[in-house]
Amino acid sequence: MKTATSCCLAIICSLGFAYGVAAQDLVLSNARVIVGNGDVIDRGTIEVRRGRIASVSETPVIDPELPILDAEGLTVIPGFIDAHRQVIQGDPDVWMEQAADRMREYVEAGFTTVLSMGDSLEHVLELRGRLDSREIPGPRLVVSGPVRLATDNGNARPEGEIRETVRDLTLTGADAIDSVMLATRGVSGIEALSIAKDEADQQGLLTLTHIENVQSAMAAVEGGSGYLTRTPWIGELDEQMAQDIVEAGRNNAEYGAVMTSTLGASTVADGDLAGPANARLLWDAGIIFAYGTDTALLPRDALRHELTLLDVVFSNEEIIDILTKSAAFAARRDDALGTLEPGKIADMVILEGDPLTDLDDLFNVKVVIRTGRIVIDNR
């Protein structure tokens, strides 16, 4: 005898998957929709046209021209976003030969967007092109390139060199620059970052800044960065310090300071929860806190590892926000991604279960849709 779940999956298969990965127009019906903006629709319908969400409501959409994907009560949430990840591991040439399998691992885990940091620029730009052309399955890539702020002897690089590096990255097709604010807070580092940020703004690039401790976080926001790539895990924050970081970064990004988690990639000694504790204080102070891993673990394993630490200090609802809506801000794709609202790109994950009740249900991925196309079908 078929279970209710297997029956609903059969319905999805018969009505939806025949349209296949080429679909950009569809109606997703009878879904429990976690919109991502705080709203939950127990029995909702999502209409997708040309790869974007046209409507989300409790009212069925009747259009004989659109294929119907009947979710039969399964949960639909926005596609997951990893806003800090080194994608290419080991020898880039060898890795590129395995790119199709490696990138499929991301979408199988529910990730539809990944922000690449620390990758070989030549190889990751080629990878982005292969993904965008749908030569291989996988998430969309947001690509950053490095901008060094200091010379080998620790002095600030000349302004002209910094600006030229940023302009060169623009010509290569990078979406963002990334730099490192050293742990020792110094005026020269702040000034160098300010120069890089100014040029990046002129070129339309996002400025990402690697930090590790409280001092470097403060230096980064004073240098103009609104996007910090790690939770400070060296040194403990208090409420006032967290508020100072958020306030200093308030004007550095359109909606305020943004930080990616990367808790699992930080060294956490036995019983030392400085990273998660600092994350909670920053969240309460008003920072936009986003999911990021910066790990060599497989995407699914990285998700498990990061959620274990996030779960110490955040609620299920907050974690889903971190994984979707806030992560879209960190990748500067909040205008198009992160929630299931009209006008947004139709990146969706269909799950069995309810992650608002049980976070483990985030691993029960049944279908992944990117830009209105079914890219993963685990039924």
Foldseek 3Di string as FASTA:
>chain_A
DDDPQVVLLVQQCVQPCVVAQVFLWAKEFQEFEPFLPRDTDQTWIWTGDQQFTAAIDNDDDDDPVHTYRYNNRFYKWFFFEALEAAQQDDDLVVSLVVLQVQQVLCVLLRHQEYEHDPYDLVSVVVVQVCPVVPVHDHHHYQYEEEQEQADPVGAGDDLVSRLVVLVVCLVSPHQAYEYEQDPDQDPSSLCSLLSNLVSCVVSNHAYEYEDAALRSLLSNLSSLHQEYEEQHQPDADDLVSLLSSFVSQQPSAPRTHEYEYQVLVDDAPVVRLRSLNSVLSNVVSPYLYAYHHHDPDRNNVSVVSRVVSNVVRDALSVVLSRRFQSSCVNSVNNQATRGRRGPHRPWMWTWGDDSNVPVVRSRRTAWTRGSRGTRDGND
